[in-house]
């Protein structure tokens, strides 16, 4: 019952935010521009998403190694593609993470599976926050609206601060965290994160791939803009898209739909760009991930054992 209610709430959030985003633009104008999408730019964006998924697999492999296990990269890439499918079909932007935990746990154990996926998510958010904060001098010049500026500061610095607080959980002085199972595992995961920070051989590649992954996100959004002739330079995409993605990560909607569109429209508005361009770029961006999810679904069906597919389908039915 609670899961069904959660799904209804998230669907409602997506629907409501999409409704408000669509009200701000001329839908006939948006539809006509979408109908003239350049397939070459769209295909380039999809190729970048596949490359991004591969890099996500590489980073995940590094984190799994830090957790005490090793899995072959082709297997991790397959798992990441399957996760892309479940990211689009489960009622949150982290549905694919649950599948990665399950799949990796079968190869190692549940602790390594859960820790590695959780840390992979945390590392991604921290790296994204670092990029947002690093771009603030230029982003604040671009976004003159006081509300927009405050939002940029809150999103960037707040996320970075949350990452720092998480790593601080590994402190030996916080003995109280050992009293409860949840906090004990959080402290243990934070300990792995701190060990990664202290290991140059792990930190450098994980940081490099994390930044590259987010820059590919910017590139995909720019390709979406180019495909419809939207006035969005690659540099502007860097300053505007990353904060939007940071907001859309919050699992309060279905696959980020609605949250991403509202944030993108607001970002374009604050930067003095057409609202319709923000909506179009966001819709195409989301559509690209839908296509990637379909490809991931094909990977799941074609490469998984029947028993695995049935077991993986159970959480979906339970939602």
C-alpha atoms as a PDB file:
ATOM      1  CA  UNK A   1       0.000   0.000   0.000  1.00  0.00           C
ATOM      2  CA  UNK A   2       2.777   2.418   0.928  1.00  0.00           C
ATOM      3  CA  UNK A   3       4.666   1.618  -2.278  1.00  0.00           C
ATOM      4  CA  UNK A   4       1.550   2.218  -4.356  1.00  0.00           C
ATOM      5  CA  UNK A   5       1.005   5.528  -2.570  1.00  0.00           C
ATOM      6  CA  UNK A   6       4.637   6.503  -3.225  1.00  0.00           C
ATOM      7  CA  UNK A   7       4.161   5.755  -6.925  1.00  0.00           C
ATOM      8  CA  UNK A   8       0.989   7.845  -7.045  1.00  0.00           C
ATOM      9  CA  UNK A   9       2.704  10.763  -5.300  1.00  0.00           C
ATOM     10  CA  UNK A  10       5.704  10.680  -7.629  1.00  0.00           C
ATOM     11  CA  UNK A  11       3.477  10.369 -10.681  1.00  0.00           C
ATOM     12  CA  UNK A  12       1.485  13.324  -9.373  1.00  0.00           C
ATOM     13  CA  UNK A  13       4.652  15.385  -8.885  1.00  0.00           C
ATOM     14  CA  UNK A  14       5.817  14.596 -12.431  1.00  0.00           C
ATOM     15  CA  UNK A  15       2.409  15.357 -13.914  1.00  0.00           C
ATOM     16  CA  UNK A  16       1.919  18.572 -11.966  1.00  0.00           C
ATOM     17  CA  UNK A  17       5.366  19.981 -12.750  1.00  0.00           C
ATOM     18  CA  UNK A  18       5.070  19.015 -16.414  1.00  0.00           C
ATOM     19  CA  UNK A  19       1.684  20.749 -16.520  1.00  0.00           C
ATOM     20  CA  UNK A  20       3.082  23.983 -15.125  1.00  0.00           C
ATOM     21  CA  UNK A  21       6.087  23.808 -17.474  1.00  0.00           C
ATOM     22  CA  UNK A  22       3.860  23.283 -20.515  1.00  0.00           C
ATOM     23  CA  UNK A  23       1.613  26.193 -19.500  1.00  0.00           C
ATOM     24  CA  UNK A  24       4.527  28.598 -19.829  1.00  0.00           C
ATOM     25  CA  UNK A  25       5.124  27.999 -23.542  1.00  0.00           C
ATOM     26  CA  UNK A  26       3.332  27.915 -26.870  1.00  0.00           C
ATOM     27  CA  UNK A  27       2.740  24.185 -27.320  1.00  0.00           C
ATOM     28  CA  UNK A  28       2.099  24.425 -31.058  1.00  0.00           C
ATOM     29  CA  UNK A  29       5.461  26.167 -31.500  1.00  0.00           C
ATOM     30  CA  UNK A  30       7.187  23.517 -29.370  1.00  0.00           C
ATOM     31  CA  UNK A  31       5.536  20.689 -31.307  1.00  0.00           C
ATOM     32  CA  UNK A  32       6.507  22.149 -34.680  1.00  0.00           C
ATOM     33  CA  UNK A  33      10.142  22.493 -33.641  1.00  0.00           C
ATOM     34  CA  UNK A  34      10.247  18.985 -32.194  1.00  0.00           C
ATOM     35  CA  UNK A  35       8.873  17.666 -35.473  1.00  0.00           C
ATOM     36  CA  UNK A  36      11.887  19.190 -37.258  1.00  0.00           C
ATOM     37  CA  UNK A  37      14.476  17.567 -35.001  1.00  0.00           C
ATOM     38  CA  UNK A  38      17.746  16.941 -36.839  1.00  0.00           C
ATOM     39  CA  UNK A  39      18.365  13.159 -36.598  1.00  0.00           C
ATOM     40  CA  UNK A  40      22.132  13.553 -36.964  1.00  0.00           C
ATOM     41  CA  UNK A  41      22.451  15.653 -33.809  1.00  0.00           C
ATOM     42  CA  UNK A  42      20.008  13.368 -31.994  1.00  0.00           C
ATOM     43  CA  UNK A  43      22.078  10.319 -32.942  1.00  0.00           C
ATOM     44  CA  UNK A  44      25.253  12.024 -31.744  1.00  0.00           C
ATOM     45  CA  UNK A  45      23.613  12.684 -28.397  1.00  0.00           C
ATOM     46  CA  UNK A  46      22.585   9.031 -28.101  1.00  0.00           C
ATOM     47  CA  UNK A  47      26.123   7.879 -28.867  1.00  0.00           C
ATOM     48  CA  UNK A  48      27.363  10.191 -26.118  1.00  0.00           C
ATOM     49  CA  UNK A  49      24.885   8.570 -23.701  1.00  0.00           C
ATOM     50  CA  UNK A  50      26.195   5.103 -24.532  1.00  0.00           C
ATOM     51  CA  UNK A  51      29.755   6.354 -23.981  1.00  0.00           C
ATOM     52  CA  UNK A  52      28.629   7.896 -20.690  1.00  0.00           C
ATOM     53  CA  UNK A  53      27.125   4.576 -19.580  1.00  0.00           C
ATOM     54  CA  UNK A  54      30.421   2.853 -20.372  1.00  0.00           C
ATOM     55  CA  UNK A  55      32.333   5.406 -18.291  1.00  0.00           C
ATOM     56  CA  UNK A  56      29.837   4.931 -15.463  1.00  0.00           C
ATOM     57  CA  UNK A  57      30.679   1.229 -15.584  1.00  0.00           C
ATOM     58  CA  UNK A  58      34.397   1.989 -15.403  1.00  0.00           C
ATOM     59  CA  UNK A  59      33.919   4.222 -12.366  1.00  0.00           C
ATOM     60  CA  UNK A  60      31.663   1.679 -10.697  1.00  0.00           C
ATOM     61  CA  UNK A  61      34.327  -0.966 -11.223  1.00  0.00           C
ATOM     62  CA  UNK A  62      36.885   1.230  -9.467  1.00  0.00           C
ATOM     63  CA  UNK A  63      34.539   1.661  -6.506  1.00  0.00           C
ATOM     64  CA  UNK A  64      33.749  -2.060  -6.333  1.00  0.00           C
ATOM     65  CA  UNK A  65      37.486  -2.701  -6.154  1.00  0.00           C
ATOM     66  CA  UNK A  66      37.745  -0.223  -3.277  1.00  0.00           C
ATOM     67  CA  UNK A  67      34.958  -2.169  -1.542  1.00  0.00           C
ATOM     68  CA  UNK A  68      37.009  -5.374  -1.754  1.00  0.00           C
ATOM     69  CA  UNK A  69      35.860  -7.177  -4.919  1.00  0.00           C
ATOM     70  CA  UNK A  70      36.537  -7.213  -8.663  1.00  0.00           C
ATOM     71  CA  UNK A  71      34.062  -7.617 -11.497  1.00  0.00           C
ATOM     72  CA  UNK A  72      34.864  -7.621 -15.236  1.00  0.00           C
ATOM     73  CA  UNK A  73      34.093  -4.401 -17.101  1.00  0.00           C
ATOM     74  CA  UNK A  74      31.865  -6.027 -19.786  1.00  0.00           C
ATOM     75  CA  UNK A  75      29.674  -7.435 -17.011  1.00  0.00           C
ATOM     76  CA  UNK A  76      29.432  -4.040 -15.300  1.00  0.00           C
ATOM     77  CA  UNK A  77      28.573  -2.372 -18.603  1.00  0.00           C
ATOM     78  CA  UNK A  78      25.771  -4.895 -19.132  1.00  0.00           C
ATOM     79  CA  UNK A  79      24.488  -4.253 -15.623  1.00  0.00           C
ATOM     80  CA  UNK A  80      24.630  -0.498 -16.222  1.00  0.00           C
ATOM     81  CA  UNK A  81      22.605  -0.820 -19.423  1.00  0.00           C
ATOM     82  CA  UNK A  82      20.004  -2.914 -17.582  1.00  0.00           C
ATOM     83  CA  UNK A  83      19.938  -0.256 -14.852  1.00  0.00           C
ATOM     84  CA  UNK A  84      19.243   2.390 -17.518  1.00  0.00           C
ATOM     85  CA  UNK A  85      16.073   0.472 -18.377  1.00  0.00           C
ATOM     86  CA  UNK A  86      14.903   0.270 -14.767  1.00  0.00           C
ATOM     87  CA  UNK A  87      15.718   3.958 -14.233  1.00  0.00           C
ATOM     88  CA  UNK A  88      12.951   4.672 -16.718  1.00  0.00           C
ATOM     89  CA  UNK A  89      10.455   2.049 -15.547  1.00  0.00           C
ATOM     90  CA  UNK A  90      10.672   2.248 -11.753  1.00  0.00           C
ATOM     91  CA  UNK A  91       9.031   5.206  -9.993  1.00  0.00           C
ATOM     92  CA  UNK A  92      12.171   7.180  -9.173  1.00  0.00           C
ATOM     93  CA  UNK A  93      15.470   8.259 -10.698  1.00  0.00           C
ATOM     94  CA  UNK A  94      17.317   5.663  -8.601  1.00  0.00           C
ATOM     95  CA  UNK A  95      15.353   2.562  -9.603  1.00  0.00           C
ATOM     96  CA  UNK A  96      18.282   1.340 -11.655  1.00  0.00           C
ATOM     97  CA  UNK A  97      20.500   1.538  -8.576  1.00  0.00           C
ATOM     98  CA  UNK A  98      18.375  -1.093  -6.855  1.00  0.00           C
ATOM     99  CA  UNK A  99      18.883  -3.361  -9.844  1.00  0.00           C
ATOM    100  CA  UNK A 100      22.633  -2.778  -9.787  1.00  0.00           C
ATOM    101  CA  UNK A 101      22.721  -3.690  -6.098  1.00  0.00           C
ATOM    102  CA  UNK A 102      20.832  -6.907  -6.825  1.00  0.00           C
ATOM    103  CA  UNK A 103      22.964  -7.870  -9.820  1.00  0.00           C
ATOM    104  CA  UNK A 104      26.317  -6.990  -8.266  1.00  0.00           C
ATOM    105  CA  UNK A 105      25.280  -8.649  -5.009  1.00  0.00           C
ATOM    106  CA  UNK A 106      24.768 -11.928  -6.856  1.00  0.00           C
ATOM    107  CA  UNK A 107      28.377 -11.802  -8.044  1.00  0.00           C
ATOM    108  CA  UNK A 108      29.877 -10.648  -4.725  1.00  0.00           C
ATOM    109  CA  UNK A 109      27.626 -10.160  -1.696  1.00  0.00           C
ATOM    110  CA  UNK A 110      24.872  -7.784  -0.727  1.00  0.00           C
ATOM    111  CA  UNK A 111      27.191  -5.528   1.290  1.00  0.00           C
ATOM    112  CA  UNK A 112      29.621  -4.904  -1.563  1.00  0.00           C
ATOM    113  CA  UNK A 113      26.742  -4.522  -4.003  1.00  0.00           C
ATOM    114  CA  UNK A 114      24.938  -1.993  -1.806  1.00  0.00           C
ATOM    115  CA  UNK A 115      28.035  -0.088  -0.705  1.00  0.00           C
ATOM    116  CA  UNK A 116      29.462   0.190  -4.223  1.00  0.00           C
ATOM    117  CA  UNK A 117      26.225   1.450  -5.777  1.00  0.00           C
ATOM    118  CA  UNK A 118      25.557   3.854  -2.912  1.00  0.00           C
ATOM    119  CA  UNK A 119      29.099   5.225  -3.090  1.00  0.00           C
ATOM    120  CA  UNK A 120      28.880   5.447  -6.871  1.00  0.00           C
ATOM    121  CA  UNK A 121      25.796   7.631  -6.456  1.00  0.00           C
ATOM    122  CA  UNK A 122      27.435   9.752  -3.739  1.00  0.00           C
ATOM    123  CA  UNK A 123      30.615  10.219  -5.779  1.00  0.00           C
ATOM    124  CA  UNK A 124      28.539  11.290  -8.776  1.00  0.00           C
ATOM    125  CA  UNK A 125      26.595  13.861  -6.761  1.00  0.00           C
ATOM    126  CA  UNK A 126      29.733  15.263  -5.107  1.00  0.00           C
ATOM    127  CA  UNK A 127      31.530  15.545  -8.464  1.00  0.00           C
ATOM    128  CA  UNK A 128      28.472  17.274  -9.930  1.00  0.00           C
ATOM    129  CA  UNK A 129      28.359  19.684  -6.978  1.00  0.00           C
ATOM    130  CA  UNK A 130      32.068  20.440  -7.396  1.00  0.00           C
ATOM    131  CA  UNK A 131      31.510  21.338 -11.059  1.00  0.00           C
ATOM    132  CA  UNK A 132      28.491  23.492 -10.200  1.00  0.00           C
ATOM    133  CA  UNK A 133      30.469  25.352  -7.523  1.00  0.00           C
ATOM    134  CA  UNK A 134      33.516  25.717  -9.806  1.00  0.00           C
ATOM    135  CA  UNK A 135      31.286  27.299 -12.465  1.00  0.00           C
ATOM    136  CA  UNK A 136      29.573  29.693 -10.024  1.00  0.00           C
ATOM    137  CA  UNK A 137      31.640  32.794 -10.971  1.00  0.00           C
ATOM    138  CA  UNK A 138      30.412  32.502 -14.560  1.00  0.00           C
ATOM    139  CA  UNK A 139      26.955  31.101 -13.740  1.00  0.00           C
ATOM    140  CA  UNK A 140      26.215  34.044 -11.444  1.00  0.00           C
ATOM    141  CA  UNK A 141      27.236  36.433 -14.210  1.00  0.00           C
ATOM    142  CA  UNK A 142      24.870  34.678 -16.586  1.00  0.00           C
ATOM    143  CA  UNK A 143      21.970  34.426 -14.125  1.00  0.00           C
ATOM    144  CA  UNK A 144      21.182  37.962 -12.919  1.00  0.00           C
ATOM    145  CA  UNK A 145      17.899  37.147 -11.210  1.00  0.00           C
ATOM    146  CA  UNK A 146      18.343  37.198  -7.377  1.00  0.00           C
ATOM    147  CA  UNK A 147      16.158  34.114  -6.928  1.00  0.00           C
ATOM    148  CA  UNK A 148      18.122  32.243  -9.586  1.00  0.00           C
ATOM    149  CA  UNK A 149      21.415  33.238  -8.008  1.00  0.00           C
ATOM    150  CA  UNK A 150      20.261  32.124  -4.571  1.00  0.00           C
ATOM    151  CA  UNK A 151      19.110  28.807  -6.029  1.00  0.00           C
ATOM    152  CA  UNK A 152      22.505  28.244  -7.672  1.00  0.00           C
ATOM    153  CA  UNK A 153      24.333  28.928  -4.424  1.00  0.00           C
ATOM    154  CA  UNK A 154      22.004  26.747  -2.385  1.00  0.00           C
ATOM    155  CA  UNK A 155      22.090  23.828  -4.829  1.00  0.00           C
ATOM    156  CA  UNK A 156      25.849  23.845  -5.363  1.00  0.00           C
ATOM    157  CA  UNK A 157      27.132  24.629  -1.888  1.00  0.00           C
ATOM    158  CA  UNK A 158      24.377  22.631  -0.169  1.00  0.00           C
ATOM    159  CA  UNK A 159      25.143  19.462  -2.129  1.00  0.00           C
ATOM    160  CA  UNK A 160      28.872  19.881  -1.582  1.00  0.00           C
ATOM    161  CA  UNK A 161      28.273  20.389   2.137  1.00  0.00           C
ATOM    162  CA  UNK A 162      26.130  17.253   2.296  1.00  0.00           C
ATOM    163  CA  UNK A 163      28.965  15.267   0.713  1.00  0.00           C
ATOM    164  CA  UNK A 164      31.425  16.580   3.281  1.00  0.00           C
ATOM    165  CA  UNK A 165      29.041  15.664   6.116  1.00  0.00           C
ATOM    166  CA  UNK A 166      28.731  12.135   4.725  1.00  0.00           C
ATOM    167  CA  UNK A 167      32.501  11.590   4.647  1.00  0.00           C
ATOM    168  CA  UNK A 168      32.710  12.972   8.186  1.00  0.00           C
ATOM    169  CA  UNK A 169      30.548  10.041   9.334  1.00  0.00           C
ATOM    170  CA  UNK A 170      33.691   7.894   9.096  1.00  0.00           C
ATOM    171  CA  UNK A 171      35.182   9.721  12.096  1.00  0.00           C
ATOM    172  CA  UNK A 172      36.278   7.383  14.868  1.00  0.00           C
ATOM    173  CA  UNK A 173      34.765   9.774  17.375  1.00  0.00           C
ATOM    174  CA  UNK A 174      31.201   9.086  16.254  1.00  0.00           C
ATOM    175  CA  UNK A 175      30.798   5.908  18.290  1.00  0.00           C
ATOM    176  CA  UNK A 176      27.064   6.492  18.571  1.00  0.00           C
ATOM    177  CA  UNK A 177      26.640   5.550  14.898  1.00  0.00           C
ATOM    178  CA  UNK A 178      27.520   1.959  15.751  1.00  0.00           C
ATOM    179  CA  UNK A 179      24.367   1.533  17.830  1.00  0.00           C
ATOM    180  CA  UNK A 180      21.946   1.184  14.922  1.00  0.00           C
ATOM    181  CA  UNK A 181      22.186  -0.932  11.790  1.00  0.00           C
ATOM    182  CA  UNK A 182      21.442   1.860   9.302  1.00  0.00           C
ATOM    183  CA  UNK A 183      23.924   4.353  10.757  1.00  0.00           C
ATOM    184  CA  UNK A 184      26.504   1.609  11.195  1.00  0.00           C
ATOM    185  CA  UNK A 185      26.379   0.798   7.480  1.00  0.00           C
ATOM    186  CA  UNK A 186      26.448   4.505   6.590  1.00  0.00           C
ATOM    187  CA  UNK A 187      29.576   4.934   8.697  1.00  0.00           C
ATOM    188  CA  UNK A 188      31.158   1.874   7.070  1.00  0.00           C
ATOM    189  CA  UNK A 189      30.389   3.210   3.580  1.00  0.00           C
ATOM    190  CA  UNK A 190      31.804   6.593   4.604  1.00  0.00           C
ATOM    191  CA  UNK A 191      34.941   4.770   5.744  1.00  0.00           C
ATOM    192  CA  UNK A 192      35.348   3.291   2.270  1.00  0.00           C
ATOM    193  CA  UNK A 193      34.856   6.767   0.780  1.00  0.00           C
ATOM    194  CA  UNK A 194      37.529   8.206   3.068  1.00  0.00           C
ATOM    195  CA  UNK A 195      39.916   5.405   2.113  1.00  0.00           C
ATOM    196  CA  UNK A 196      39.276   6.218  -1.563  1.00  0.00           C
ATOM    197  CA  UNK A 197      40.114   9.872  -0.911  1.00  0.00           C
ATOM    198  CA  UNK A 198      43.412   8.852   0.650  1.00  0.00           C
ATOM    199  CA  UNK A 199      44.381   6.540  -2.223  1.00  0.00           C
ATOM    200  CA  UNK A 200      45.730   8.483  -5.200  1.00  0.00           C
ATOM    201  CA  UNK A 201      45.502   5.403  -7.434  1.00  0.00           C
ATOM    202  CA  UNK A 202      41.757   5.263  -6.763  1.00  0.00           C
ATOM    203  CA  UNK A 203      40.897   8.943  -6.312  1.00  0.00           C
ATOM    204  CA  UNK A 204      42.416  10.203  -9.565  1.00  0.00           C
ATOM    205  CA  UNK A 205      40.617   7.839 -11.978  1.00  0.00           C
ATOM    206  CA  UNK A 206      37.323   8.034 -10.053  1.00  0.00           C
ATOM    207  CA  UNK A 207      37.428  11.851 -10.087  1.00  0.00           C
ATOM    208  CA  UNK A 208      38.486  11.970 -13.744  1.00  0.00           C
ATOM    209  CA  UNK A 209      35.706   9.667 -14.919  1.00  0.00           C
ATOM    210  CA  UNK A 210      33.154  11.450 -12.717  1.00  0.00           C
ATOM    211  CA  UNK A 211      33.888  14.850 -14.231  1.00  0.00           C
ATOM    212  CA  UNK A 212      33.955  13.390 -17.736  1.00  0.00           C
ATOM    213  CA  UNK A 213      30.588  11.714 -17.164  1.00  0.00           C
ATOM    214  CA  UNK A 214      28.991  15.033 -16.187  1.00  0.00           C
ATOM    215  CA  UNK A 215      30.600  16.869 -19.089  1.00  0.00           C
ATOM    216  CA  UNK A 216      29.039  14.274 -21.387  1.00  0.00           C
ATOM    217  CA  UNK A 217      25.673  15.143 -19.830  1.00  0.00           C
ATOM    218  CA  UNK A 218      26.280  18.750 -20.855  1.00  0.00           C
ATOM    219  CA  UNK A 219      27.252  17.584 -24.339  1.00  0.00           C
ATOM    220  CA  UNK A 220      24.042  15.538 -24.668  1.00  0.00           C
ATOM    221  CA  UNK A 221      21.938  18.571 -23.699  1.00  0.00           C
ATOM    222  CA  UNK A 222      23.871  20.709 -26.193  1.00  0.00           C
ATOM    223  CA  UNK A 223      23.241  18.118 -28.927  1.00  0.00           C
ATOM    224  CA  UNK A 224      19.541  18.270 -28.049  1.00  0.00           C
ATOM    225  CA  UNK A 225      19.636  22.056 -28.441  1.00  0.00           C
ATOM    226  CA  UNK A 226      21.510  21.837 -31.748  1.00  0.00           C
ATOM    227  CA  UNK A 227      19.036  19.277 -33.089  1.00  0.00           C
ATOM    228  CA  UNK A 228      16.236  21.880 -32.971  1.00  0.00           C
ATOM    229  CA  UNK A 229      18.319  25.009 -33.530  1.00  0.00           C
ATOM    230  CA  UNK A 230      17.909  26.246 -29.949  1.00  0.00           C
ATOM    231  CA  UNK A 231      20.125  29.178 -28.999  1.00  0.00           C
ATOM    232  CA  UNK A 232      22.284  27.389 -26.418  1.00  0.00           C
ATOM    233  CA  UNK A 233      26.060  27.473 -26.700  1.00  0.00           C
ATOM    234  CA  UNK A 234      28.155  24.672 -25.263  1.00  0.00           C
ATOM    235  CA  UNK A 235      29.475  27.068 -22.618  1.00  0.00           C
ATOM    236  CA  UNK A 236      25.975  28.169 -21.591  1.00  0.00           C
ATOM    237  CA  UNK A 237      24.964  24.512 -21.426  1.00  0.00           C
ATOM    238  CA  UNK A 238      27.801  23.913 -18.975  1.00  0.00           C
ATOM    239  CA  UNK A 239      26.613  26.720 -16.700  1.00  0.00           C
ATOM    240  CA  UNK A 240      22.885  25.947 -16.858  1.00  0.00           C
ATOM    241  CA  UNK A 241      22.438  22.207 -17.325  1.00  0.00           C
ATOM    242  CA  UNK A 242      24.556  20.915 -14.434  1.00  0.00           C
ATOM    243  CA  UNK A 243      22.500  22.662 -11.698  1.00  0.00           C
ATOM    244  CA  UNK A 244      19.329  21.372 -13.351  1.00  0.00           C
ATOM    245  CA  UNK A 245      20.635  17.793 -13.262  1.00  0.00           C
ATOM    246  CA  UNK A 246      21.587  18.233  -9.617  1.00  0.00           C
ATOM    247  CA  UNK A 247      17.987  19.214  -8.848  1.00  0.00           C
ATOM    248  CA  UNK A 248      16.525  16.407 -10.976  1.00  0.00           C
ATOM    249  CA  UNK A 249      18.523  13.785  -9.054  1.00  0.00           C
ATOM    250  CA  UNK A 250      16.190  14.221  -6.066  1.00  0.00           C
ATOM    251  CA  UNK A 251      13.933  11.112  -6.249  1.00  0.00           C
ATOM    252  CA  UNK A 252      10.560  12.816  -5.939  1.00  0.00           C
ATOM    253  CA  UNK A 253       9.256  12.102  -9.448  1.00  0.00           C
ATOM    254  CA  UNK A 254       9.284   9.368 -12.071  1.00  0.00           C
ATOM    255  CA  UNK A 255      12.744   9.279 -13.723  1.00  0.00           C
ATOM    256  CA  UNK A 256      13.147  13.005 -13.017  1.00  0.00           C
ATOM    257  CA  UNK A 257      10.310  13.971 -15.366  1.00  0.00           C
ATOM    258  CA  UNK A 258       8.659  17.230 -14.425  1.00  0.00           C
ATOM    259  CA  UNK A 259      11.381  18.251 -12.004  1.00  0.00           C
ATOM    260  CA  UNK A 260      13.926  18.444 -14.818  1.00  0.00           C
ATOM    261  CA  UNK A 261      11.570  20.323 -17.149  1.00  0.00           C
ATOM    262  CA  UNK A 262      10.577  22.857 -14.502  1.00  0.00           C
ATOM    263  CA  UNK A 263      14.188  23.440 -13.480  1.00  0.00           C
ATOM    264  CA  UNK A 264      15.356  23.744 -17.088  1.00  0.00           C
ATOM    265  CA  UNK A 265      12.637  26.258 -17.963  1.00  0.00           C
ATOM    266  CA  UNK A 266      13.526  28.263 -14.855  1.00  0.00           C
ATOM    267  CA  UNK A 267      17.262  28.143 -15.675  1.00  0.00           C
ATOM    268  CA  UNK A 268      16.685  29.373 -19.216  1.00  0.00           C
ATOM    269  CA  UNK A 269      14.355  32.103 -17.958  1.00  0.00           C
ATOM    270  CA  UNK A 270      16.854  33.351 -15.361  1.00  0.00           C
ATOM    271  CA  UNK A 271      19.588  33.400 -18.032  1.00  0.00           C
ATOM    272  CA  UNK A 272      17.423  35.456 -20.411  1.00  0.00           C
ATOM    273  CA  UNK A 273      16.902  32.577 -22.864  1.00  0.00           C
ATOM    274  CA  UNK A 274      13.526  31.535 -24.343  1.00  0.00           C
ATOM    275  CA  UNK A 275      11.438  29.391 -22.019  1.00  0.00           C
ATOM    276  CA  UNK A 276      10.360  27.230 -24.944  1.00  0.00           C
ATOM    277  CA  UNK A 277      13.996  26.389 -25.679  1.00  0.00           C
ATOM    278  CA  UNK A 278      14.458  25.218 -22.103  1.00  0.00           C
ATOM    279  CA  UNK A 279      11.417  22.959 -22.324  1.00  0.00           C
ATOM    280  CA  UNK A 280      12.408  21.569 -25.729  1.00  0.00           C
ATOM    281  CA  UNK A 281      15.962  20.805 -24.633  1.00  0.00           C
ATOM    282  CA  UNK A 282      14.692  19.090 -21.490  1.00  0.00           C
ATOM    283  CA  UNK A 283      12.102  17.010 -23.368  1.00  0.00           C
ATOM    284  CA  UNK A 284      14.670  15.865 -25.928  1.00  0.00           C
ATOM    285  CA  UNK A 285      17.169  15.192 -23.154  1.00  0.00           C
ATOM    286  CA  UNK A 286      14.637  13.006 -21.350  1.00  0.00           C
ATOM    287  CA  UNK A 287      13.667  11.284 -24.601  1.00  0.00           C
ATOM    288  CA  UNK A 288      17.316  10.377 -25.204  1.00  0.00           C
ATOM    289  CA  UNK A 289      17.431   8.623 -21.842  1.00  0.00           C
ATOM    290  CA  UNK A 290      14.184   6.853 -22.701  1.00  0.00           C
ATOM    291  CA  UNK A 291      15.802   5.493 -25.877  1.00  0.00           C
ATOM    292  CA  UNK A 292      18.836   4.411 -23.844  1.00  0.00           C
ATOM    293  CA  UNK A 293      16.436   2.699 -21.435  1.00  0.00           C
ATOM    294  CA  UNK A 294      14.800   0.816 -24.306  1.00  0.00           C
ATOM    295  CA  UNK A 295      18.260  -0.369 -25.391  1.00  0.00           C
ATOM    296  CA  UNK A 296      18.926  -1.413 -21.804  1.00  0.00           C
ATOM    297  CA  UNK A 297      15.665  -3.354 -21.771  1.00  0.00           C
ATOM    298  CA  UNK A 298      16.781  -5.208 -24.890  1.00  0.00           C
ATOM    299  CA  UNK A 299      20.083  -6.041 -23.180  1.00  0.00           C
ATOM    300  CA  UNK A 300      18.164  -7.339 -20.169  1.00  0.00           C
ATOM    301  CA  UNK A 301      15.902  -9.567 -22.270  1.00  0.00           C
ATOM    302  CA  UNK A 302      18.638 -10.853 -24.595  1.00  0.00           C
ATOM    303  CA  UNK A 303      21.449 -11.465 -22.114  1.00  0.00           C
ATOM    304  CA  UNK A 304      19.797 -12.403 -18.812  1.00  0.00           C
ATOM    305  CA  UNK A 305      18.706 -15.858 -17.788  1.00  0.00           C
ATOM    306  CA  UNK A 306      14.965 -16.360 -17.615  1.00  0.00           C
ATOM    307  CA  UNK A 307      15.110 -16.914 -13.845  1.00  0.00           C
ATOM    308  CA  UNK A 308      17.005 -13.632 -13.460  1.00  0.00           C
ATOM    309  CA  UNK A 309      14.398 -11.745 -15.481  1.00  0.00           C
ATOM    310  CA  UNK A 310      11.603 -13.178 -13.366  1.00  0.00           C
ATOM    311  CA  UNK A 311      13.395 -12.288 -10.126  1.00  0.00           C
ATOM    312  CA  UNK A 312      14.209  -8.793 -11.348  1.00  0.00           C
ATOM    313  CA  UNK A 313      10.616  -8.264 -12.397  1.00  0.00           C
ATOM    314  CA  UNK A 314       9.301  -8.963  -8.895  1.00  0.00           C
ATOM    315  CA  UNK A 315      10.283  -5.536  -7.417  1.00  0.00           C
ATOM    316  CA  UNK A 316       8.653  -3.847 -10.396  1.00  0.00           C
ATOM    317  CA  UNK A 317       5.399  -5.688  -9.831  1.00  0.00           C
ATOM    318  CA  UNK A 318       5.634  -4.882  -6.137  1.00  0.00           C
ATOM    319  CA  UNK A 319       5.700  -1.174  -6.903  1.00  0.00           C
END
